[in-house]
């Protein structure tokens, strides 16, 4: 499995951010080709505010999704959010 993790920190208006994220961004992410699983968490008690995890079968599926029109749309949407910062990283996931 391969995963893209996106962390959102310090939204200007947490309630508005979460509402728009769920209403507008979640459907864009769910449309990604090859997406097998999509999870959200709100850790609470500090940073990050929201963590999104996008799971793919393998590196090829993740690379294909990253270069898709659907990812371009999701990325453009994410750029509109008023957050302190957004951290994105990806990699292989293995059982320990």
PDB file of N, CA and C in Angstrom:
ATOM      1  N   UNK A   1       0.849  -1.185   0.000  1.00  0.00           N
ATOM      2  CA  UNK A   1       0.000   0.000   0.000  1.00  0.00           C
ATOM      3  C   UNK A   1       0.891   1.243   0.000  1.00  0.00           C
ATOM      4  N   UNK A   2       0.363   2.289  -0.602  1.00  0.00           N
ATOM      5  CA  UNK A   2       1.005   3.603  -0.577  1.00  0.00           C
ATOM      6  C   UNK A   2      -0.019   4.619  -0.086  1.00  0.00           C
ATOM      7  N   UNK A   3       0.482   5.619   0.618  1.00  0.00           N
ATOM      8  CA  UNK A   3      -0.424   6.585   1.233  1.00  0.00           C
ATOM      9  C   UNK A   3       0.101   8.000   1.037  1.00  0.00           C
ATOM     10  N   UNK A   4      -0.837   8.900   0.767  1.00  0.00           N
ATOM     11  CA  UNK A   4      -0.570  10.339   0.805  1.00  0.00           C
ATOM     12  C   UNK A   4      -1.212  10.848   2.087  1.00  0.00           C
ATOM     13  N   UNK A   5      -0.447  11.576   2.878  1.00  0.00           N
ATOM     14  CA  UNK A   5      -0.955  12.167   4.112  1.00  0.00           C
ATOM     15  C   UNK A   5      -0.907  13.678   3.968  1.00  0.00           C
ATOM     16  N   UNK A   6      -2.010  14.328   4.317  1.00  0.00           N
ATOM     17  CA  UNK A   6      -2.094  15.792   4.264  1.00  0.00           C
ATOM     18  C   UNK A   6      -2.490  16.276   5.653  1.00  0.00           C
ATOM     19  N   UNK A   7      -1.688  17.173   6.207  1.00  0.00           N
ATOM     20  CA  UNK A   7      -1.967  17.749   7.520  1.00  0.00           C
ATOM     21  C   UNK A   7      -2.280  19.230   7.348  1.00  0.00           C
ATOM     22  N   UNK A   8      -3.377  19.663   7.937  1.00  0.00           N
ATOM     23  CA  UNK A   8      -3.792  21.068   7.898  1.00  0.00           C
ATOM     24  C   UNK A   8      -3.633  21.655   9.300  1.00  0.00           C
ATOM     25  N   UNK A   9      -2.944  22.783   9.387  1.00  0.00           N
ATOM     26  CA  UNK A   9      -2.660  23.428  10.662  1.00  0.00           C
ATOM     27  C   UNK A   9      -3.338  24.794  10.750  1.00  0.00           C
ATOM     28  N   UNK A  10      -3.822  25.114  11.918  1.00  0.00           N
ATOM     29  CA  UNK A  10      -4.277  26.461  12.280  1.00  0.00           C
ATOM     30  C   UNK A  10      -5.238  27.111  11.282  1.00  0.00           C
ATOM     31  N   UNK A  11      -6.400  26.504  11.040  1.00  0.00           N
ATOM     32  CA  UNK A  11      -7.370  27.177  10.160  1.00  0.00           C
ATOM     33  C   UNK A  11      -7.838  28.485  10.789  1.00  0.00           C
ATOM     34  N   UNK A  12      -8.039  29.499   9.951  1.00  0.00           N
ATOM     35  CA  UNK A  12      -8.483  30.813  10.436  1.00  0.00           C
ATOM     36  C   UNK A  12      -9.823  30.698  11.151  1.00  0.00           C
ATOM     37  N   UNK A  13     -10.733  29.914  10.596  1.00  0.00           N
ATOM     38  CA  UNK A  13     -12.052  29.676  11.191  1.00  0.00           C
ATOM     39  C   UNK A  13     -12.292  28.166  11.146  1.00  0.00           C
ATOM     40  N   UNK A  14     -11.982  27.460  12.231  1.00  0.00           N
ATOM     41  CA  UNK A  14     -12.058  26.002  12.203  1.00  0.00           C
ATOM     42  C   UNK A  14     -13.413  25.440  11.761  1.00  0.00           C
ATOM     43  N   UNK A  15     -14.500  26.004  12.240  1.00  0.00           N
ATOM     44  CA  UNK A  15     -15.818  25.500  11.861  1.00  0.00           C
ATOM     45  C   UNK A  15     -16.091  25.656  10.381  1.00  0.00           C
ATOM     46  N   UNK A  16     -15.768  26.818   9.840  1.00  0.00           N
ATOM     47  CA  UNK A  16     -15.974  27.068   8.412  1.00  0.00           C
ATOM     48  C   UNK A  16     -15.057  26.179   7.574  1.00  0.00           C
ATOM     49  N   UNK A  17     -13.810  26.047   7.999  1.00  0.00           N
ATOM     50  CA  UNK A  17     -12.861  25.193   7.282  1.00  0.00           C
ATOM     51  C   UNK A  17     -13.382  23.757   7.205  1.00  0.00           C
ATOM     52  N   UNK A  18     -13.796  23.221   8.344  1.00  0.00           N
ATOM     53  CA  UNK A  18     -14.255  21.836   8.368  1.00  0.00           C
ATOM     54  C   UNK A  18     -15.508  21.638   7.516  1.00  0.00           C
ATOM     55  N   UNK A  19     -16.425  22.586   7.571  1.00  0.00           N
ATOM     56  CA  UNK A  19     -17.654  22.474   6.778  1.00  0.00           C
ATOM     57  C   UNK A  19     -17.348  22.482   5.284  1.00  0.00           C
ATOM     58  N   UNK A  20     -16.526  23.424   4.845  1.00  0.00           N
ATOM     59  CA  UNK A  20     -16.186  23.516   3.422  1.00  0.00           C
ATOM     60  C   UNK A  20     -15.367  22.302   2.994  1.00  0.00           C
ATOM     61  N   UNK A  21     -14.461  21.865   3.850  1.00  0.00           N
ATOM     62  CA  UNK A  21     -13.644  20.698   3.525  1.00  0.00           C
ATOM     63  C   UNK A  21     -14.532  19.481   3.269  1.00  0.00           C
ATOM     64  N   UNK A  22     -15.467  19.255   4.171  1.00  0.00           N
ATOM     65  CA  UNK A  22     -16.335  18.075   4.043  1.00  0.00           C
ATOM     66  C   UNK A  22     -17.306  18.202   2.861  1.00  0.00           C
ATOM     67  N   UNK A  23     -17.836  19.388   2.646  1.00  0.00           N
ATOM     68  CA  UNK A  23     -18.840  19.575   1.590  1.00  0.00           C
ATOM     69  C   UNK A  23     -18.234  19.660   0.194  1.00  0.00           C
ATOM     70  N   UNK A  24     -17.073  20.293   0.081  1.00  0.00           N
ATOM     71  CA  UNK A  24     -16.511  20.547  -1.242  1.00  0.00           C
ATOM     72  C   UNK A  24     -15.296  19.672  -1.541  1.00  0.00           C
ATOM     73  N   UNK A  25     -14.393  19.541  -0.580  1.00  0.00           N
ATOM     74  CA  UNK A  25     -13.130  18.864  -0.862  1.00  0.00           C
ATOM     75  C   UNK A  25     -13.252  17.336  -0.836  1.00  0.00           C
ATOM     76  N   UNK A  26     -13.980  16.816   0.131  1.00  0.00           N
ATOM     77  CA  UNK A  26     -14.112  15.358   0.242  1.00  0.00           C
ATOM     78  C   UNK A  26     -14.614  14.729  -1.063  1.00  0.00           C
ATOM     79  N   UNK A  27     -15.657  15.262  -1.701  1.00  0.00           N
ATOM     80  CA  UNK A  27     -16.089  14.660  -2.976  1.00  0.00           C
ATOM     81  C   UNK A  27     -15.004  14.709  -4.063  1.00  0.00           C
ATOM     82  N   UNK A  28     -14.193  15.761  -4.072  1.00  0.00           N
ATOM     83  CA  UNK A  28     -13.112  15.852  -5.055  1.00  0.00           C
ATOM     84  C   UNK A  28     -12.083  14.751  -4.821  1.00  0.00           C
ATOM     85  N   UNK A  29     -11.728  14.538  -3.567  1.00  0.00           N
ATOM     86  CA  UNK A  29     -10.745  13.500  -3.244  1.00  0.00           C
ATOM     87  C   UNK A  29     -11.309  12.115  -3.553  1.00  0.00           C
ATOM     88  N   UNK A  30     -12.560  11.890  -3.218  1.00  0.00           N
ATOM     89  CA  UNK A  30     -13.163  10.575  -3.465  1.00  0.00           C
ATOM     90  C   UNK A  30     -13.223  10.228  -4.952  1.00  0.00           C
ATOM     91  N   UNK A  31     -13.107  11.222  -5.817  1.00  0.00           N
ATOM     92  CA  UNK A  31     -13.133  10.994  -7.266  1.00  0.00           C
ATOM     93  C   UNK A  31     -11.766  10.605  -7.832  1.00  0.00           C
ATOM     94  N   UNK A  32     -10.723  10.586  -7.008  1.00  0.00           N
ATOM     95  CA  UNK A  32      -9.383  10.268  -7.507  1.00  0.00           C
ATOM     96  C   UNK A  32      -9.325   8.846  -8.053  1.00  0.00           C
ATOM     97  N   UNK A  33      -8.717   8.675  -9.216  1.00  0.00           N
ATOM     98  CA  UNK A  33      -8.588   7.329  -9.763  1.00  0.00           C
ATOM     99  C   UNK A  33      -7.673   6.477  -8.884  1.00  0.00           C
ATOM    100  N   UNK A  34      -8.081   5.246  -8.636  1.00  0.00           N
ATOM    101  CA  UNK A  34      -7.258   4.313  -7.877  1.00  0.00           C
ATOM    102  C   UNK A  34      -7.315   4.467  -6.365  1.00  0.00           C
ATOM    103  N   UNK A  35      -8.075   5.430  -5.873  1.00  0.00           N
ATOM    104  CA  UNK A  35      -8.176   5.629  -4.425  1.00  0.00           C
ATOM    105  C   UNK A  35      -8.888   4.429  -3.803  1.00  0.00           C
ATOM    106  N   UNK A  36      -8.249   3.795  -2.837  1.00  0.00           N
ATOM    107  CA  UNK A  36      -8.851   2.626  -2.185  1.00  0.00           C
ATOM    108  C   UNK A  36      -9.455   2.955  -0.832  1.00  0.00           C
ATOM    109  N   UNK A  37      -8.913   3.959  -0.184  1.00  0.00           N
ATOM    110  CA  UNK A  37      -9.394   4.325   1.154  1.00  0.00           C
ATOM    111  C   UNK A  37      -9.064   5.789   1.386  1.00  0.00           C
ATOM    112  N   UNK A  38      -9.964   6.486   2.078  1.00  0.00           N
ATOM    113  CA  UNK A  38      -9.773   7.906   2.385  1.00  0.00           C
ATOM    114  C   UNK A  38     -10.262   8.120   3.805  1.00  0.00           C
ATOM    115  N   UNK A  39      -9.366   8.545   4.689  1.00  0.00           N
ATOM    116  CA  UNK A  39      -9.739   8.750   6.086  1.00  0.00           C
ATOM    117  C   UNK A  39      -9.425  10.174   6.517  1.00  0.00           C
ATOM    118  N   UNK A  40     -10.206  10.648   7.471  1.00  0.00           N
ATOM    119  CA  UNK A  40      -9.990  11.960   8.082  1.00  0.00           C
ATOM    120  C   UNK A  40      -9.893  11.771   9.582  1.00  0.00           C
ATOM    121  N   UNK A  41      -9.053  12.577  10.215  1.00  0.00           N
ATOM    122  CA  UNK A  41      -9.030  12.601  11.674  1.00  0.00           C
ATOM    123  C   UNK A  41      -8.829  14.031  12.141  1.00  0.00           C
ATOM    124  N   UNK A  42      -9.438  14.316  13.269  1.00  0.00           N
ATOM    125  CA  UNK A  42      -9.315  15.614  13.939  1.00  0.00           C
ATOM    126  C   UNK A  42      -8.660  15.325  15.285  1.00  0.00           C
ATOM    127  N   UNK A  43      -7.316  15.359  15.346  1.00  0.00           N
ATOM    128  CA  UNK A  43      -6.620  14.934  16.550  1.00  0.00           C
ATOM    129  C   UNK A  43      -6.997  15.686  17.829  1.00  0.00           C
ATOM    130  N   UNK A  44      -7.325  16.961  17.725  1.00  0.00           N
ATOM    131  CA  UNK A  44      -7.662  17.738  18.917  1.00  0.00           C
ATOM    132  C   UNK A  44      -6.430  18.016  19.767  1.00  0.00           C
ATOM    133  N   UNK A  45      -6.545  18.996  20.617  1.00  0.00           N
ATOM    134  CA  UNK A  45      -5.461  19.299  21.537  1.00  0.00           C
ATOM    135  C   UNK A  45      -4.218  19.881  20.901  1.00  0.00           C
ATOM    136  N   UNK A  46      -4.343  20.509  19.769  1.00  0.00           N
ATOM    137  CA  UNK A  46      -3.172  21.122  19.143  1.00  0.00           C
ATOM    138  C   UNK A  46      -3.062  20.782  17.680  1.00  0.00           C
ATOM    139  N   UNK A  47      -1.865  20.971  17.170  1.00  0.00           N
ATOM    140  CA  UNK A  47      -1.623  20.792  15.748  1.00  0.00           C
ATOM    141  C   UNK A  47      -1.343  19.325  15.451  1.00  0.00           C
ATOM    142  N   UNK A  48      -1.665  18.846  14.271  1.00  0.00           N
ATOM    143  CA  UNK A  48      -2.446  19.515  13.239  1.00  0.00           C
ATOM    144  C   UNK A  48      -3.937  19.509  13.568  1.00  0.00           C
ATOM    145  N   UNK A  49      -4.670  20.371  12.885  1.00  0.00           N
ATOM    146  CA  UNK A  49      -6.113  20.442  13.109  1.00  0.00           C
ATOM    147  C   UNK A  49      -6.821  19.259  12.455  1.00  0.00           C
ATOM    148  N   UNK A  50      -6.450  18.970  11.194  1.00  0.00           N
ATOM    149  CA  UNK A  50      -7.086  17.883  10.441  1.00  0.00           C
ATOM    150  C   UNK A  50      -6.014  17.105   9.698  1.00  0.00           C
ATOM    151  N   UNK A  51      -6.160  15.791   9.676  1.00  0.00           N
ATOM    152  CA  UNK A  51      -5.245  14.918   8.939  1.00  0.00           C
ATOM    153  C   UNK A  51      -6.074  14.083   7.967  1.00  0.00           C
ATOM    154  N   UNK A  52      -5.692  14.127   6.703  1.00  0.00           N
ATOM    155  CA  UNK A  52      -6.340  13.312   5.672  1.00  0.00           C
ATOM    156  C   UNK A  52      -5.339  12.274   5.181  1.00  0.00           C
ATOM    157  N   UNK A  53      -5.811  11.038   5.013  1.00  0.00           N
ATOM    158  CA  UNK A  53      -4.967   9.973   4.488  1.00  0.00           C
ATOM    159  C   UNK A  53      -5.639   9.365   3.266  1.00  0.00           C
ATOM    160  N   UNK A  54      -4.899   9.327   2.175  1.00  0.00           N
ATOM    161  CA  UNK A  54      -5.380   8.792   0.905  1.00  0.00           C
ATOM    162  C   UNK A  54      -4.573   7.535   0.608  1.00  0.00           C
ATOM    163  N   UNK A  55      -5.240   6.402   0.517  1.00  0.00           N
ATOM    164  CA  UNK A  55      -4.582   5.112   0.378  1.00  0.00           C
ATOM    165  C   UNK A  55      -4.733   4.571  -1.046  1.00  0.00           C
ATOM    166  N   UNK A  56      -3.626   4.023  -1.557  1.00  0.00           N
ATOM    167  CA  UNK A  56      -3.588   3.452  -2.903  1.00  0.00           C
ATOM    168  C   UNK A  56      -2.938   2.067  -2.849  1.00  0.00           C
ATOM    169  N   UNK A  57      -3.248   1.222  -3.814  1.00  0.00           N
ATOM    170  CA  UNK A  57      -2.740  -0.152  -3.826  1.00  0.00           C
ATOM    171  C   UNK A  57      -1.221  -0.206  -3.914  1.00  0.00           C
ATOM    172  N   UNK A  58      -0.641   0.681  -4.708  1.00  0.00           N
ATOM    173  CA  UNK A  58       0.806   0.646  -4.904  1.00  0.00           C
ATOM    174  C   UNK A  58       1.291   2.000  -5.408  1.00  0.00           C
ATOM    175  N   UNK A  59       2.591   2.084  -5.611  1.00  0.00           N
ATOM    176  CA  UNK A  59       3.199   3.339  -6.055  1.00  0.00           C
ATOM    177  C   UNK A  59       2.651   3.787  -7.405  1.00  0.00           C
ATOM    178  N   UNK A  60       2.472   2.851  -8.330  1.00  0.00           N
ATOM    179  CA  UNK A  60       1.960   3.219  -9.652  1.00  0.00           C
ATOM    180  C   UNK A  60       0.580   3.859  -9.559  1.00  0.00           C
ATOM    181  N   UNK A  61      -0.284   3.304  -8.722  1.00  0.00           N
ATOM    182  CA  UNK A  61      -1.630   3.866  -8.557  1.00  0.00           C
ATOM    183  C   UNK A  61      -1.566   5.258  -7.942  1.00  0.00           C
ATOM    184  N   UNK A  62      -0.665   5.437  -6.970  1.00  0.00           N
ATOM    185  CA  UNK A  62      -0.529   6.747  -6.339  1.00  0.00           C
ATOM    186  C   UNK A  62       0.012   7.779  -7.332  1.00  0.00           C
ATOM    187  N   UNK A  63       1.012   7.398  -8.101  1.00  0.00           N
ATOM    188  CA  UNK A  63       1.591   8.310  -9.090  1.00  0.00           C
ATOM    189  C   UNK A  63       0.548   8.679 -10.142  1.00  0.00           C
ATOM    190  N   UNK A  64      -0.238   7.711 -10.581  1.00  0.00           N
ATOM    191  CA  UNK A  64      -1.291   7.994 -11.561  1.00  0.00           C
ATOM    192  C   UNK A  64      -2.316   8.968 -10.988  1.00  0.00           C
ATOM    193  N   UNK A  65      -2.692   8.771  -9.739  1.00  0.00           N
ATOM    194  CA  UNK A  65      -3.654   9.685  -9.106  1.00  0.00           C
ATOM    195  C   UNK A  65      -3.069  11.086  -8.987  1.00  0.00           C
ATOM    196  N   UNK A  66      -1.801  11.173  -8.617  1.00  0.00           N
ATOM    197  CA  UNK A  66      -1.169  12.492  -8.439  1.00  0.00           C
ATOM    198  C   UNK A  66      -1.110  13.274  -9.748  1.00  0.00           C
ATOM    199  N   UNK A  67      -1.056  12.590 -10.868  1.00  0.00           N
ATOM    200  CA  UNK A  67      -0.957  13.280 -12.154  1.00  0.00           C
ATOM    201  C   UNK A  67      -2.311  13.419 -12.852  1.00  0.00           C
ATOM    202  N   UNK A  68      -3.386  13.091 -12.160  1.00  0.00           N
ATOM    203  CA  UNK A  68      -4.718  13.122 -12.768  1.00  0.00           C
ATOM    204  C   UNK A  68      -5.363  14.507 -12.715  1.00  0.00           C
ATOM    205  N   UNK A  69      -6.338  14.701 -13.579  1.00  0.00           N
ATOM    206  CA  UNK A  69      -7.126  15.941 -13.566  1.00  0.00           C
ATOM    207  C   UNK A  69      -7.885  16.078 -12.252  1.00  0.00           C
ATOM    208  N   UNK A  70      -8.305  14.948 -11.693  1.00  0.00           N
ATOM    209  CA  UNK A  70      -9.031  14.976 -10.418  1.00  0.00           C
ATOM    210  C   UNK A  70      -8.145  15.495  -9.287  1.00  0.00           C
ATOM    211  N   UNK A  71      -6.863  15.092  -9.288  1.00  0.00           N
ATOM    212  CA  UNK A  71      -5.939  15.595  -8.261  1.00  0.00           C
ATOM    213  C   UNK A  71      -5.658  17.073  -8.482  1.00  0.00           C
ATOM    214  N   UNK A  72      -5.576  17.497  -9.737  1.00  0.00           N
ATOM    215  CA  UNK A  72      -5.378  18.921 -10.017  1.00  0.00           C
ATOM    216  C   UNK A  72      -6.537  19.732  -9.451  1.00  0.00           C
ATOM    217  N   UNK A  73      -7.753  19.229  -9.609  1.00  0.00           N
ATOM    218  CA  UNK A  73      -8.928  19.927  -9.077  1.00  0.00           C
ATOM    219  C   UNK A  73      -8.906  19.950  -7.552  1.00  0.00           C
ATOM    220  N   UNK A  74      -8.566  18.823  -6.932  1.00  0.00           N
ATOM    221  CA  UNK A  74      -8.504  18.768  -5.467  1.00  0.00           C
ATOM    222  C   UNK A  74      -7.400  19.677  -4.941  1.00  0.00           C
ATOM    223  N   UNK A  75      -6.263  19.692  -5.613  1.00  0.00           N
ATOM    224  CA  UNK A  75      -5.159  20.558  -5.198  1.00  0.00           C
ATOM    225  C   UNK A  75      -5.500  22.027  -5.319  1.00  0.00           C
ATOM    226  N   UNK A  76      -6.154  22.398  -6.407  1.00  0.00           N
ATOM    227  CA  UNK A  76      -6.566  23.798  -6.587  1.00  0.00           C
ATOM    228  C   UNK A  76      -7.560  24.202  -5.505  1.00  0.00           C
ATOM    229  N   UNK A  77      -8.456  23.297  -5.157  1.00  0.00           N
ATOM    230  CA  UNK A  77      -9.418  23.584  -4.098  1.00  0.00           C
ATOM    231  C   UNK A  77      -8.704  23.771  -2.760  1.00  0.00           C
ATOM    232  N   UNK A  78      -7.757  22.898  -2.449  1.00  0.00           N
ATOM    233  CA  UNK A  78      -7.034  22.980  -1.175  1.00  0.00           C
ATOM    234  C   UNK A  78      -6.281  24.297  -1.032  1.00  0.00           C
ATOM    235  N   UNK A  79      -5.833  24.851  -2.136  1.00  0.00           N
ATOM    236  CA  UNK A  79      -5.108  26.130  -2.099  1.00  0.00           C
ATOM    237  C   UNK A  79      -5.986  27.285  -1.634  1.00  0.00           C
ATOM    238  N   UNK A  80      -7.288  27.121  -1.669  1.00  0.00           N
ATOM    239  CA  UNK A  80      -8.191  28.218  -1.293  1.00  0.00           C
ATOM    240  C   UNK A  80      -8.446  28.285   0.210  1.00  0.00           C
ATOM    241  N   UNK A  81      -8.001  27.296   0.969  1.00  0.00           N
ATOM    242  CA  UNK A  81      -8.289  27.263   2.402  1.00  0.00           C
ATOM    243  C   UNK A  81      -7.365  28.185   3.178  1.00  0.00           C
ATOM    244  N   UNK A  82      -7.935  28.903   4.124  1.00  0.00           N
ATOM    245  CA  UNK A  82      -7.160  29.795   4.982  1.00  0.00           C
ATOM    246  C   UNK A  82      -6.653  29.002   6.178  1.00  0.00           C
ATOM    247  N   UNK A  83      -5.484  28.400   5.987  1.00  0.00           N
ATOM    248  CA  UNK A  83      -4.845  27.634   7.055  1.00  0.00           C
ATOM    249  C   UNK A  83      -3.431  28.173   7.254  1.00  0.00           C
ATOM    250  N   UNK A  84      -2.900  27.958   8.458  1.00  0.00           N
ATOM    251  CA  UNK A  84      -1.545  28.407   8.743  1.00  0.00           C
ATOM    252  C   UNK A  84      -0.530  27.746   7.834  1.00  0.00           C
ATOM    253  N   UNK A  85      -0.703  26.447   7.634  1.00  0.00           N
ATOM    254  CA  UNK A  85       0.144  25.710   6.695  1.00  0.00           C
ATOM    255  C   UNK A  85      -0.483  24.358   6.415  1.00  0.00           C
ATOM    256  N   UNK A  86      -0.001  23.773   5.345  1.00  0.00           N
ATOM    257  CA  UNK A  86      -0.450  22.447   4.925  1.00  0.00           C
ATOM    258  C   UNK A  86       0.802  21.633   4.627  1.00  0.00           C
ATOM    259  N   UNK A  87       0.896  20.458   5.199  1.00  0.00           N
ATOM    260  CA  UNK A  87       2.045  19.583   4.999  1.00  0.00           C
ATOM    261  C   UNK A  87       1.562  18.330   4.279  1.00  0.00           C
ATOM    262  N   UNK A  88       2.271  17.965   3.201  1.00  0.00           N
ATOM    263  CA  UNK A  88       1.899  16.792   2.408  1.00  0.00           C
ATOM    264  C   UNK A  88       3.118  15.880   2.301  1.00  0.00           C
ATOM    265  N   UNK A  89       2.916  14.606   2.578  1.00  0.00           N
ATOM    266  CA  UNK A  89       3.981  13.636   2.371  1.00  0.00           C
ATOM    267  C   UNK A  89       3.364  12.311   1.949  1.00  0.00           C
ATOM    268  N   UNK A  90       4.173  11.466   1.328  1.00  0.00           N
ATOM    269  CA  UNK A  90       3.660  10.179   0.871  1.00  0.00           C
ATOM    270  C   UNK A  90       4.735   9.121   1.004  1.00  0.00           C
ATOM    271  N   UNK A  91       4.304   7.881   0.889  1.00  0.00           N
ATOM    272  CA  UNK A  91       5.259   6.790   0.934  1.00  0.00           C
ATOM    273  C   UNK A  91       4.590   5.446   1.070  1.00  0.00           C
ATOM    274  N   UNK A  92       5.429   4.426   1.049  1.00  0.00           N
ATOM    275  CA  UNK A  92       4.956   3.058   1.215  1.00  0.00           C
ATOM    276  C   UNK A  92       4.564   2.837   2.670  1.00  0.00           C
ATOM    277  N   UNK A  93       3.538   2.027   2.862  1.00  0.00           N
ATOM    278  CA  UNK A  93       3.086   1.664   4.204  1.00  0.00           C
ATOM    279  C   UNK A  93       3.321   0.170   4.360  1.00  0.00           C
ATOM    280  N   UNK A  94       3.958  -0.199   5.451  1.00  0.00           N
ATOM    281  CA  UNK A  94       4.207  -1.617   5.684  1.00  0.00           C
ATOM    282  C   UNK A  94       3.838  -1.987   7.109  1.00  0.00           C
ATOM    283  N   UNK A  95       3.466  -3.226   7.289  1.00  0.00           N
ATOM    284  CA  UNK A  95       3.161  -3.716   8.628  1.00  0.00           C
ATOM    285  C   UNK A  95       4.451  -3.817   9.426  1.00  0.00           C
ATOM    286  N   UNK A  96       4.370  -3.465  10.696  1.00  0.00           N
ATOM    287  CA  UNK A  96       5.553  -3.527  11.563  1.00  0.00           C
ATOM    288  C   UNK A  96       5.641  -4.889  12.220  1.00  0.00           C
TER     289      UNK A  96
END
